[in-house]
């Protein structure tokens, strides 16, 4: 199972929506992808971190660090990927997707069902 699938398996336990994965390989030598997800509350965002860690541990993978636990915007650094988990209000306020306007999206249809 690839990292993106493991991450989604953890995330889906908190019912995310508006999931978008950006192929950062094209623009950065540091990351493979950036995943942006929306959840309904800061609590869900925090819990998502724990679920993602559990799923990654199944494949002996871990995250490097995370910021914003318990807030409306959680950032997870997974060494070669980033995950932004945000409430709808925070995602709208920050307009994070505009940062990646010229970056290709990864097709998530094979893992998001």
PDB file of N, CA and C in Angstrom:
ATOM      1  N   UNK A   1       0.845  -1.177   0.000  1.00  0.00           N
ATOM      2  CA  UNK A   1       0.000   0.000   0.000  1.00  0.00           C
ATOM      3  C   UNK A   1       0.891   1.242   0.000  1.00  0.00           C
ATOM      4  N   UNK A   2       0.572   2.212  -0.836  1.00  0.00           N
ATOM      5  CA  UNK A   2       1.415   3.401  -0.885  1.00  0.00           C
ATOM      6  C   UNK A   2       1.040   4.393   0.222  1.00  0.00           C
ATOM      7  N   UNK A   3       1.892   5.377   0.421  1.00  0.00           N
ATOM      8  CA  UNK A   3       1.696   6.345   1.516  1.00  0.00           C
ATOM      9  C   UNK A   3       0.377   7.081   1.411  1.00  0.00           C
ATOM     10  N   UNK A   4       0.027   7.460   0.216  1.00  0.00           N
ATOM     11  CA  UNK A   4      -1.216   8.202   0.031  1.00  0.00           C
ATOM     12  C   UNK A   4      -2.427   7.367   0.450  1.00  0.00           C
ATOM     13  N   UNK A   5      -2.409   6.093   0.138  1.00  0.00           N
ATOM     14  CA  UNK A   5      -3.497   5.201   0.553  1.00  0.00           C
ATOM     15  C   UNK A   5      -3.541   5.055   2.071  1.00  0.00           C
ATOM     16  N   UNK A   6      -2.383   4.891   2.689  1.00  0.00           N
ATOM     17  CA  UNK A   6      -2.326   4.773   4.147  1.00  0.00           C
ATOM     18  C   UNK A   6      -2.868   6.039   4.814  1.00  0.00           C
ATOM     19  N   UNK A   7      -2.457   7.176   4.294  1.00  0.00           N
ATOM     20  CA  UNK A   7      -2.910   8.448   4.850  1.00  0.00           C
ATOM     21  C   UNK A   7      -4.421   8.582   4.694  1.00  0.00           C
ATOM     22  N   UNK A   8      -4.924   8.242   3.519  1.00  0.00           N
ATOM     23  CA  UNK A   8      -6.372   8.323   3.312  1.00  0.00           C
ATOM     24  C   UNK A   8      -7.117   7.382   4.258  1.00  0.00           C
ATOM     25  N   UNK A   9      -6.585   6.184   4.472  1.00  0.00           N
ATOM     26  CA  UNK A   9      -7.236   5.248   5.392  1.00  0.00           C
ATOM     27  C   UNK A   9      -7.349   5.822   6.802  1.00  0.00           C
ATOM     28  N   UNK A  10      -6.353   6.575   7.220  1.00  0.00           N
ATOM     29  CA  UNK A  10      -6.439   7.239   8.513  1.00  0.00           C
ATOM     30  C   UNK A  10      -7.409   8.399   8.488  1.00  0.00           C
ATOM     31  N   UNK A  11      -7.329   9.197   7.459  1.00  0.00           N
ATOM     32  CA  UNK A  11      -8.194  10.374   7.340  1.00  0.00           C
ATOM     33  C   UNK A  11      -9.667  10.018   7.249  1.00  0.00           C
ATOM     34  N   UNK A  12      -9.993   8.966   6.511  1.00  0.00           N
ATOM     35  CA  UNK A  12     -11.405   8.669   6.271  1.00  0.00           C
ATOM     36  C   UNK A  12     -12.162   8.357   7.559  1.00  0.00           C
ATOM     37  N   UNK A  13     -11.458   8.048   8.609  1.00  0.00           N
ATOM     38  CA  UNK A  13     -12.111   7.774   9.898  1.00  0.00           C
ATOM     39  C   UNK A  13     -12.692   9.038  10.528  1.00  0.00           C
ATOM     40  N   UNK A  14     -12.289  10.221  10.033  1.00  0.00           N
ATOM     41  CA  UNK A  14     -12.851  11.486  10.535  1.00  0.00           C
ATOM     42  C   UNK A  14     -13.723  12.166   9.476  1.00  0.00           C
ATOM     43  N   UNK A  15     -14.075  11.433   8.436  1.00  0.00           N
ATOM     44  CA  UNK A  15     -14.980  11.918   7.387  1.00  0.00           C
ATOM     45  C   UNK A  15     -14.530  13.218   6.726  1.00  0.00           C
ATOM     46  N   UNK A  16     -13.346  13.219   6.106  1.00  0.00           N
ATOM     47  CA  UNK A  16     -12.883  14.432   5.430  1.00  0.00           C
ATOM     48  C   UNK A  16     -13.642  14.646   4.120  1.00  0.00           C
ATOM     49  N   UNK A  17     -13.570  15.842   3.609  1.00  0.00           N
ATOM     50  CA  UNK A  17     -14.126  16.128   2.295  1.00  0.00           C
ATOM     51  C   UNK A  17     -13.241  17.159   1.609  1.00  0.00           C
ATOM     52  N   UNK A  18     -13.549  17.425   0.356  1.00  0.00           N
ATOM     53  CA  UNK A  18     -12.733  18.333  -0.462  1.00  0.00           C
ATOM     54  C   UNK A  18     -11.256  17.941  -0.420  1.00  0.00           C
ATOM     55  N   UNK A  19     -10.986  16.647  -0.523  1.00  0.00           N
ATOM     56  CA  UNK A  19      -9.602  16.165  -0.562  1.00  0.00           C
ATOM     57  C   UNK A  19      -8.969  16.488  -1.907  1.00  0.00           C
ATOM     58  N   UNK A  20      -7.799  17.087  -1.855  1.00  0.00           N
ATOM     59  CA  UNK A  20      -7.041  17.374  -3.066  1.00  0.00           C
ATOM     60  C   UNK A  20      -5.582  17.045  -2.780  1.00  0.00           C
ATOM     61  N   UNK A  21      -4.981  16.296  -3.691  1.00  0.00           N
ATOM     62  CA  UNK A  21      -3.550  15.980  -3.580  1.00  0.00           C
ATOM     63  C   UNK A  21      -2.836  16.623  -4.757  1.00  0.00           C
ATOM     64  N   UNK A  22      -1.782  17.332  -4.444  1.00  0.00           N
ATOM     65  CA  UNK A  22      -1.001  18.031  -5.459  1.00  0.00           C
ATOM     66  C   UNK A  22       0.334  17.318  -5.654  1.00  0.00           C
ATOM     67  N   UNK A  23       0.729  17.145  -6.920  1.00  0.00           N
ATOM     68  CA  UNK A  23       1.984  16.472  -7.266  1.00  0.00           C
ATOM     69  C   UNK A  23       3.124  17.484  -7.184  1.00  0.00           C
ATOM     70  N   UNK A  24       3.764  17.544  -6.048  1.00  0.00           N
ATOM     71  CA  UNK A  24       4.799  18.533  -5.790  1.00  0.00           C
ATOM     72  C   UNK A  24       6.144  18.121  -6.396  1.00  0.00           C
ATOM     73  N   UNK A  25       6.265  16.874  -6.829  1.00  0.00           N
ATOM     74  CA  UNK A  25       7.497  16.424  -7.499  1.00  0.00           C
ATOM     75  C   UNK A  25       7.888  17.346  -8.640  1.00  0.00           C
ATOM     76  N   UNK A  26       6.896  17.935  -9.277  1.00  0.00           N
ATOM     77  CA  UNK A  26       7.141  18.806 -10.425  1.00  0.00           C
ATOM     78  C   UNK A  26       7.842  20.102 -10.033  1.00  0.00           C
ATOM     79  N   UNK A  27       7.613  20.567  -8.812  1.00  0.00           N
ATOM     80  CA  UNK A  27       8.097  21.896  -8.430  1.00  0.00           C
ATOM     81  C   UNK A  27       9.053  21.913  -7.242  1.00  0.00           C
ATOM     82  N   UNK A  28       9.180  20.813  -6.525  1.00  0.00           N
ATOM     83  CA  UNK A  28      10.019  20.800  -5.333  1.00  0.00           C
ATOM     84  C   UNK A  28      10.797  19.488  -5.226  1.00  0.00           C
ATOM     85  N   UNK A  29      12.068  19.567  -4.919  1.00  0.00           N
ATOM     86  CA  UNK A  29      12.836  18.345  -4.720  1.00  0.00           C
ATOM     87  C   UNK A  29      12.633  17.749  -3.325  1.00  0.00           C
ATOM     88  N   UNK A  30      11.877  18.426  -2.486  1.00  0.00           N
ATOM     89  CA  UNK A  30      11.742  18.013  -1.091  1.00  0.00           C
ATOM     90  C   UNK A  30      10.517  17.152  -0.807  1.00  0.00           C
ATOM     91  N   UNK A  31       9.460  17.320  -1.594  1.00  0.00           N
ATOM     92  CA  UNK A  31       8.211  16.617  -1.295  1.00  0.00           C
ATOM     93  C   UNK A  31       7.657  15.928  -2.531  1.00  0.00           C
ATOM     94  N   UNK A  32       6.992  14.791  -2.293  1.00  0.00           N
ATOM     95  CA  UNK A  32       6.304  14.080  -3.366  1.00  0.00           C
ATOM     96  C   UNK A  32       4.930  14.682  -3.616  1.00  0.00           C
ATOM     97  N   UNK A  33       4.212  14.946  -2.529  1.00  0.00           N
ATOM     98  CA  UNK A  33       2.860  15.471  -2.681  1.00  0.00           C
ATOM     99  C   UNK A  33       2.468  16.309  -1.475  1.00  0.00           C
ATOM    100  N   UNK A  34       1.442  17.119  -1.695  1.00  0.00           N
ATOM    101  CA  UNK A  34       0.791  17.867  -0.632  1.00  0.00           C
ATOM    102  C   UNK A  34      -0.674  17.480  -0.689  1.00  0.00           C
ATOM    103  N   UNK A  35      -1.213  17.070   0.442  1.00  0.00           N
ATOM    104  CA  UNK A  35      -2.622  16.700   0.534  1.00  0.00           C
ATOM    105  C   UNK A  35      -3.339  17.744   1.372  1.00  0.00           C
ATOM    106  N   UNK A  36      -4.462  18.225   0.879  1.00  0.00           N
ATOM    107  CA  UNK A  36      -5.286  19.181   1.614  1.00  0.00           C
ATOM    108  C   UNK A  36      -6.646  18.529   1.826  1.00  0.00           C
ATOM    109  N   UNK A  37      -7.105  18.538   3.075  1.00  0.00           N
ATOM    110  CA  UNK A  37      -8.392  17.941   3.413  1.00  0.00           C
ATOM    111  C   UNK A  37      -9.170  18.876   4.330  1.00  0.00           C
ATOM    112  N   UNK A  38     -10.475  18.817   4.233  1.00  0.00           N
ATOM    113  CA  UNK A  38     -11.350  19.609   5.086  1.00  0.00           C
ATOM    114  C   UNK A  38     -12.084  18.683   6.041  1.00  0.00           C
ATOM    115  N   UNK A  39     -12.158  19.098   7.300  1.00  0.00           N
ATOM    116  CA  UNK A  39     -12.935  18.406   8.327  1.00  0.00           C
ATOM    117  C   UNK A  39     -13.802  19.444   9.027  1.00  0.00           C
ATOM    118  N   UNK A  40     -14.792  18.976   9.771  1.00  0.00           N
ATOM    119  CA  UNK A  40     -15.767  19.903  10.350  1.00  0.00           C
ATOM    120  C   UNK A  40     -15.339  20.590  11.635  1.00  0.00           C
ATOM    121  N   UNK A  41     -14.299  20.100  12.295  1.00  0.00           N
ATOM    122  CA  UNK A  41     -13.935  20.711  13.576  1.00  0.00           C
ATOM    123  C   UNK A  41     -12.446  20.564  13.869  1.00  0.00           C
ATOM    124  N   UNK A  42     -11.976  21.394  14.785  1.00  0.00           N
ATOM    125  CA  UNK A  42     -10.585  21.314  15.227  1.00  0.00           C
ATOM    126  C   UNK A  42     -10.330  19.961  15.884  1.00  0.00           C
ATOM    127  N   UNK A  43     -11.312  19.452  16.599  1.00  0.00           N
ATOM    128  CA  UNK A  43     -11.166  18.138  17.243  1.00  0.00           C
ATOM    129  C   UNK A  43     -10.929  17.047  16.198  1.00  0.00           C
ATOM    130  N   UNK A  44     -11.697  17.065  15.121  1.00  0.00           N
ATOM    131  CA  UNK A  44     -11.509  16.083  14.055  1.00  0.00           C
ATOM    132  C   UNK A  44     -10.113  16.197  13.440  1.00  0.00           C
ATOM    133  N   UNK A  45      -9.648  17.410  13.264  1.00  0.00           N
ATOM    134  CA  UNK A  45      -8.312  17.609  12.692  1.00  0.00           C
ATOM    135  C   UNK A  45      -7.247  16.987  13.582  1.00  0.00           C
ATOM    136  N   UNK A  46      -7.371  17.180  14.891  1.00  0.00           N
ATOM    137  CA  UNK A  46      -6.410  16.609  15.826  1.00  0.00           C
ATOM    138  C   UNK A  46      -6.459  15.092  15.853  1.00  0.00           C
ATOM    139  N   UNK A  47      -7.648  14.548  15.859  1.00  0.00           N
ATOM    140  CA  UNK A  47      -7.814  13.093  15.885  1.00  0.00           C
ATOM    141  C   UNK A  47      -7.269  12.476  14.594  1.00  0.00           C
ATOM    142  N   UNK A  48      -7.414  13.188  13.490  1.00  0.00           N
ATOM    143  CA  UNK A  48      -6.900  12.683  12.211  1.00  0.00           C
ATOM    144  C   UNK A  48      -5.407  12.406  12.283  1.00  0.00           C
ATOM    145  N   UNK A  49      -4.670  13.231  13.005  1.00  0.00           N
ATOM    146  CA  UNK A  49      -3.225  13.022  13.164  1.00  0.00           C
ATOM    147  C   UNK A  49      -2.972  11.644  13.770  1.00  0.00           C
ATOM    148  N   UNK A  50      -3.699  11.310  14.811  1.00  0.00           N
ATOM    149  CA  UNK A  50      -3.512  10.010  15.474  1.00  0.00           C
ATOM    150  C   UNK A  50      -3.862   8.853  14.546  1.00  0.00           C
ATOM    151  N   UNK A  51      -4.951   8.991  13.801  1.00  0.00           N
ATOM    152  CA  UNK A  51      -5.352   7.933  12.885  1.00  0.00           C
ATOM    153  C   UNK A  51      -4.337   7.756  11.748  1.00  0.00           C
ATOM    154  N   UNK A  52      -3.811   8.846  11.250  1.00  0.00           N
ATOM    155  CA  UNK A  52      -2.803   8.764  10.194  1.00  0.00           C
ATOM    156  C   UNK A  52      -1.544   8.079  10.727  1.00  0.00           C
ATOM    157  N   UNK A  53      -1.125   8.445  11.934  1.00  0.00           N
ATOM    158  CA  UNK A  53       0.039   7.803  12.546  1.00  0.00           C
ATOM    159  C   UNK A  53      -0.175   6.300  12.688  1.00  0.00           C
ATOM    160  N   UNK A  54      -1.365   5.887  13.102  1.00  0.00           N
ATOM    161  CA  UNK A  54      -1.678   4.459  13.241  1.00  0.00           C
ATOM    162  C   UNK A  54      -1.545   3.728  11.908  1.00  0.00           C
ATOM    163  N   UNK A  55      -2.108   4.319  10.865  1.00  0.00           N
ATOM    164  CA  UNK A  55      -2.060   3.675   9.546  1.00  0.00           C
ATOM    165  C   UNK A  55      -0.630   3.580   9.023  1.00  0.00           C
ATOM    166  N   UNK A  56       0.136   4.639   9.165  1.00  0.00           N
ATOM    167  CA  UNK A  56       1.521   4.617   8.701  1.00  0.00           C
ATOM    168  C   UNK A  56       2.355   3.595   9.467  1.00  0.00           C
ATOM    169  N   UNK A  57       2.086   3.436  10.746  1.00  0.00           N
ATOM    170  CA  UNK A  57       2.827   2.489  11.579  1.00  0.00           C
ATOM    171  C   UNK A  57       2.663   1.049  11.076  1.00  0.00           C
ATOM    172  N   UNK A  58       1.543   0.754  10.422  1.00  0.00           N
ATOM    173  CA  UNK A  58       1.316  -0.585   9.873  1.00  0.00           C
ATOM    174  C   UNK A  58       2.383  -0.960   8.845  1.00  0.00           C
ATOM    175  N   UNK A  59       2.963   0.052   8.204  1.00  0.00           N
ATOM    176  CA  UNK A  59       4.011  -0.169   7.201  1.00  0.00           C
ATOM    177  C   UNK A  59       5.369   0.323   7.707  1.00  0.00           C
ATOM    178  N   UNK A  60       5.493   0.452   9.020  1.00  0.00           N
ATOM    179  CA  UNK A  60       6.720   0.941   9.658  1.00  0.00           C
ATOM    180  C   UNK A  60       7.137   2.323   9.162  1.00  0.00           C
ATOM    181  N   UNK A  61       6.165   3.157   8.897  1.00  0.00           N
ATOM    182  CA  UNK A  61       6.403   4.540   8.495  1.00  0.00           C
ATOM    183  C   UNK A  61       5.976   5.459   9.633  1.00  0.00           C
ATOM    184  N   UNK A  62       6.493   6.651   9.632  1.00  0.00           N
ATOM    185  CA  UNK A  62       6.121   7.605  10.675  1.00  0.00           C
ATOM    186  C   UNK A  62       6.053   9.001  10.083  1.00  0.00           C
ATOM    187  N   UNK A  63       5.556   9.927  10.877  1.00  0.00           N
ATOM    188  CA  UNK A  63       5.575  11.314  10.447  1.00  0.00           C
ATOM    189  C   UNK A  63       6.743  12.003  11.145  1.00  0.00           C
ATOM    190  N   UNK A  64       7.244  13.042  10.520  1.00  0.00           N
ATOM    191  CA  UNK A  64       8.362  13.789  11.097  1.00  0.00           C
ATOM    192  C   UNK A  64       7.868  14.679  12.234  1.00  0.00           C
ATOM    193  N   UNK A  65       6.816  15.453  11.957  1.00  0.00           N
ATOM    194  CA  UNK A  65       6.275  16.354  12.973  1.00  0.00           C
ATOM    195  C   UNK A  65       4.894  16.836  12.550  1.00  0.00           C
ATOM    196  N   UNK A  66       4.228  17.490  13.470  1.00  0.00           N
ATOM    197  CA  UNK A  66       2.948  18.120  13.149  1.00  0.00           C
ATOM    198  C   UNK A  66       2.806  19.373  13.990  1.00  0.00           C
ATOM    199  N   UNK A  67       2.047  20.310  13.466  1.00  0.00           N
ATOM    200  CA  UNK A  67       1.802  21.588  14.129  1.00  0.00           C
ATOM    201  C   UNK A  67       0.306  21.858  14.135  1.00  0.00           C
ATOM    202  N   UNK A  68      -0.144  22.582  15.132  1.00  0.00           N
ATOM    203  CA  UNK A  68      -1.527  23.022  15.174  1.00  0.00           C
ATOM    204  C   UNK A  68      -2.499  22.046  15.786  1.00  0.00           C
ATOM    205  N   UNK A  69      -1.990  21.032  16.487  1.00  0.00           N
ATOM    206  CA  UNK A  69      -2.878  20.043  17.100  1.00  0.00           C
ATOM    207  C   UNK A  69      -3.912  20.759  17.962  1.00  0.00           C
ATOM    208  N   UNK A  70      -5.183  20.465  17.738  1.00  0.00           N
ATOM    209  CA  UNK A  70      -6.256  21.094  18.499  1.00  0.00           C
ATOM    210  C   UNK A  70      -6.725  22.414  17.918  1.00  0.00           C
ATOM    211  N   UNK A  71      -6.160  22.809  16.783  1.00  0.00           N
ATOM    212  CA  UNK A  71      -6.581  24.058  16.151  1.00  0.00           C
ATOM    213  C   UNK A  71      -7.346  23.747  14.865  1.00  0.00           C
ATOM    214  N   UNK A  72      -7.755  24.778  14.177  1.00  0.00           N
ATOM    215  CA  UNK A  72      -8.535  24.612  12.954  1.00  0.00           C
ATOM    216  C   UNK A  72      -7.680  24.312  11.727  1.00  0.00           C
ATOM    217  N   UNK A  73      -6.367  24.267  11.916  1.00  0.00           N
ATOM    218  CA  UNK A  73      -5.459  23.957  10.812  1.00  0.00           C
ATOM    219  C   UNK A  73      -4.304  23.143  11.364  1.00  0.00           C
ATOM    220  N   UNK A  74      -4.238  21.893  10.963  1.00  0.00           N
ATOM    221  CA  UNK A  74      -3.159  21.003  11.378  1.00  0.00           C
ATOM    222  C   UNK A  74      -2.282  20.739  10.165  1.00  0.00           C
ATOM    223  N   UNK A  75      -0.992  20.897  10.355  1.00  0.00           N
ATOM    224  CA  UNK A  75      -0.012  20.626   9.306  1.00  0.00           C
ATOM    225  C   UNK A  75       0.817  19.429   9.739  1.00  0.00           C
ATOM    226  N   UNK A  76       0.890  18.427   8.881  1.00  0.00           N
ATOM    227  CA  UNK A  76       1.686  17.228   9.140  1.00  0.00           C
ATOM    228  C   UNK A  76       2.835  17.190   8.141  1.00  0.00           C
ATOM    229  N   UNK A  77       4.049  17.046   8.653  1.00  0.00           N
ATOM    230  CA  UNK A  77       5.243  16.881   7.829  1.00  0.00           C
ATOM    231  C   UNK A  77       5.625  15.416   7.888  1.00  0.00           C
ATOM    232  N   UNK A  78       5.514  14.745   6.773  1.00  0.00           N
ATOM    233  CA  UNK A  78       5.828  13.327   6.714  1.00  0.00           C
ATOM    234  C   UNK A  78       7.135  13.034   6.012  1.00  0.00           C
ATOM    235  N   UNK A  79       8.097  13.905   6.158  1.00  0.00           N
ATOM    236  CA  UNK A  79       9.408  13.802   5.507  1.00  0.00           C
ATOM    237  C   UNK A  79       9.316  14.168   4.030  1.00  0.00           C
ATOM    238  N   UNK A  80       8.604  13.367   3.238  1.00  0.00           N
ATOM    239  CA  UNK A  80       8.537  13.634   1.797  1.00  0.00           C
ATOM    240  C   UNK A  80       7.133  13.995   1.320  1.00  0.00           C
ATOM    241  N   UNK A  81       6.270  14.382   2.236  1.00  0.00           N
ATOM    242  CA  UNK A  81       4.936  14.866   1.902  1.00  0.00           C
ATOM    243  C   UNK A  81       4.458  15.795   3.013  1.00  0.00           C
ATOM    244  N   UNK A  82       3.471  16.615   2.676  1.00  0.00           N
ATOM    245  CA  UNK A  82       2.825  17.496   3.648  1.00  0.00           C
ATOM    246  C   UNK A  82       1.323  17.255   3.596  1.00  0.00           C
ATOM    247  N   UNK A  83       0.681  17.365   4.760  1.00  0.00           N
ATOM    248  CA  UNK A  83      -0.768  17.238   4.831  1.00  0.00           C
ATOM    249  C   UNK A  83      -1.307  18.448   5.580  1.00  0.00           C
ATOM    250  N   UNK A  84      -2.276  19.107   4.972  1.00  0.00           N
ATOM    251  CA  UNK A  84      -2.976  20.217   5.607  1.00  0.00           C
ATOM    252  C   UNK A  84      -4.400  19.737   5.889  1.00  0.00           C
ATOM    253  N   UNK A  85      -4.794  19.721   7.163  1.00  0.00           N
ATOM    254  CA  UNK A  85      -6.149  19.341   7.545  1.00  0.00           C
ATOM    255  C   UNK A  85      -6.779  20.582   8.160  1.00  0.00           C
ATOM    256  N   UNK A  86      -7.867  21.049   7.547  1.00  0.00           N
ATOM    257  CA  UNK A  86      -8.411  22.343   7.925  1.00  0.00           C
ATOM    258  C   UNK A  86      -9.931  22.295   8.046  1.00  0.00           C
ATOM    259  N   UNK A  87     -10.449  23.197   8.871  1.00  0.00           N
ATOM    260  CA  UNK A  87     -11.899  23.382   8.910  1.00  0.00           C
ATOM    261  C   UNK A  87     -12.293  24.186   7.664  1.00  0.00           C
ATOM    262  N   UNK A  88     -13.559  24.150   7.276  1.00  0.00           N
ATOM    263  CA  UNK A  88     -13.977  24.892   6.081  1.00  0.00           C
ATOM    264  C   UNK A  88     -13.687  26.392   6.182  1.00  0.00           C
ATOM    265  N   UNK A  89     -13.908  26.950   7.352  1.00  0.00           N
ATOM    266  CA  UNK A  89     -13.678  28.383   7.541  1.00  0.00           C
ATOM    267  C   UNK A  89     -12.198  28.730   7.363  1.00  0.00           C
ATOM    268  N   UNK A  90     -11.333  27.906   7.915  1.00  0.00           N
ATOM    269  CA  UNK A  90      -9.895  28.154   7.827  1.00  0.00           C
ATOM    270  C   UNK A  90      -9.400  27.967   6.396  1.00  0.00           C
ATOM    271  N   UNK A  91      -9.893  26.953   5.726  1.00  0.00           N
ATOM    272  CA  UNK A  91      -9.477  26.723   4.339  1.00  0.00           C
ATOM    273  C   UNK A  91      -9.910  27.883   3.450  1.00  0.00           C
ATOM    274  N   UNK A  92     -11.094  28.388   3.694  1.00  0.00           N
ATOM    275  CA  UNK A  92     -11.574  29.532   2.917  1.00  0.00           C
ATOM    276  C   UNK A  92     -10.757  30.785   3.234  1.00  0.00           C
ATOM    277  N   UNK A  93     -10.456  30.996   4.508  1.00  0.00           N
ATOM    278  CA  UNK A  93      -9.703  32.176   4.931  1.00  0.00           C
ATOM    279  C   UNK A  93      -8.275  32.169   4.381  1.00  0.00           C
ATOM    280  N   UNK A  94      -7.614  31.036   4.467  1.00  0.00           N
ATOM    281  CA  UNK A  94      -6.220  30.915   4.040  1.00  0.00           C
ATOM    282  C   UNK A  94      -6.100  30.811   2.520  1.00  0.00           C
ATOM    283  N   UNK A  95      -7.100  30.220   1.887  1.00  0.00           N
ATOM    284  CA  UNK A  95      -7.079  29.996   0.432  1.00  0.00           C
ATOM    285  C   UNK A  95      -5.844  29.200   0.017  1.00  0.00           C
ATOM    286  N   UNK A  96      -5.575  28.135   0.759  1.00  0.00           N
ATOM    287  CA  UNK A  96      -4.362  27.351   0.544  1.00  0.00           C
ATOM    288  C   UNK A  96      -4.277  26.760  -0.860  1.00  0.00           C
ATOM    289  N   UNK A  97      -5.412  26.418  -1.446  1.00  0.00           N
ATOM    290  CA  UNK A  97      -5.384  25.806  -2.773  1.00  0.00           C
ATOM    291  C   UNK A  97      -4.823  26.754  -3.833  1.00  0.00           C
ATOM    292  N   UNK A  98      -4.887  28.049  -3.585  1.00  0.00           N
ATOM    293  CA  UNK A  98      -4.324  29.014  -4.535  1.00  0.00           C
ATOM    294  C   UNK A  98      -2.798  28.908  -4.621  1.00  0.00           C
ATOM    295  N   UNK A  99      -2.173  28.385  -3.580  1.00  0.00           N
ATOM    296  CA  UNK A  99      -0.718  28.190  -3.616  1.00  0.00           C
ATOM    297  C   UNK A  99      -0.309  27.175  -4.682  1.00  0.00           C
ATOM    298  N   UNK A 100      -1.229  26.282  -4.996  1.00  0.00           N
ATOM    299  CA  UNK A 100      -0.914  25.174  -5.898  1.00  0.00           C
ATOM    300  C   UNK A 100      -1.655  25.276  -7.228  1.00  0.00           C
ATOM    301  N   UNK A 101      -2.033  26.475  -7.595  1.00  0.00           N
ATOM    302  CA  UNK A 101      -2.844  26.669  -8.795  1.00  0.00           C
ATOM    303  C   UNK A 101      -2.160  26.160 -10.063  1.00  0.00           C
ATOM    304  N   UNK A 102      -0.847  26.199 -10.100  1.00  0.00           N
ATOM    305  CA  UNK A 102      -0.113  25.738 -11.288  1.00  0.00           C
ATOM    306  C   UNK A 102       0.524  24.366 -11.102  1.00  0.00           C
ATOM    307  N   UNK A 103       0.041  23.622 -10.121  1.00  0.00           N
ATOM    308  CA  UNK A 103       0.585  22.302  -9.820  1.00  0.00           C
ATOM    309  C   UNK A 103      -0.454  21.245 -10.204  1.00  0.00           C
ATOM    310  N   UNK A 104       0.002  20.173 -10.813  1.00  0.00           N
ATOM    311  CA  UNK A 104      -0.902  19.091 -11.205  1.00  0.00           C
ATOM    312  C   UNK A 104      -1.499  18.408  -9.978  1.00  0.00           C
ATOM    313  N   UNK A 105      -2.747  17.999 -10.122  1.00  0.00           N
ATOM    314  CA  UNK A 105      -3.416  17.250  -9.058  1.00  0.00           C
ATOM    315  C   UNK A 105      -3.195  15.753  -9.280  1.00  0.00           C
ATOM    316  N   UNK A 106      -3.140  15.035  -8.193  1.00  0.00           N
ATOM    317  CA  UNK A 106      -3.039  13.577  -8.245  1.00  0.00           C
ATOM    318  C   UNK A 106      -4.455  13.023  -8.255  1.00  0.00           C
ATOM    319  N   UNK A 107      -4.725  12.105  -9.142  1.00  0.00           N
ATOM    320  CA  UNK A 107      -6.037  11.494  -9.219  1.00  0.00           C
ATOM    321  C   UNK A 107      -6.262  10.593  -8.010  1.00  0.00           C
ATOM    322  N   UNK A 108      -7.205  10.969  -7.176  1.00  0.00           N
ATOM    323  CA  UNK A 108      -7.497  10.205  -5.957  1.00  0.00           C
ATOM    324  C   UNK A 108      -8.668   9.240  -6.136  1.00  0.00           C
ATOM    325  N   UNK A 109      -9.223   9.163  -7.323  1.00  0.00           N
ATOM    326  CA  UNK A 109     -10.419   8.345  -7.530  1.00  0.00           C
ATOM    327  C   UNK A 109     -10.208   6.863  -7.234  1.00  0.00           C
ATOM    328  N   UNK A 110      -8.971   6.393  -7.350  1.00  0.00           N
ATOM    329  CA  UNK A 110      -8.719   4.974  -7.084  1.00  0.00           C
ATOM    330  C   UNK A 110      -8.613   4.663  -5.593  1.00  0.00           C
ATOM    331  N   UNK A 111      -8.460   5.693  -4.738  1.00  0.00           N
ATOM    332  CA  UNK A 111      -8.406   5.422  -3.300  1.00  0.00           C
ATOM    333  C   UNK A 111      -9.582   6.025  -2.546  1.00  0.00           C
ATOM    334  N   UNK A 112     -10.175   7.089  -3.054  1.00  0.00           N
ATOM    335  CA  UNK A 112     -11.317   7.722  -2.395  1.00  0.00           C
ATOM    336  C   UNK A 112     -12.580   7.129  -2.968  1.00  0.00           C
ATOM    337  N   UNK A 113     -13.246   6.337  -2.172  1.00  0.00           N
ATOM    338  CA  UNK A 113     -14.455   5.649  -2.653  1.00  0.00           C
ATOM    339  C   UNK A 113     -15.617   5.960  -1.774  1.00  0.00           C
TER     340      UNK A 113
END
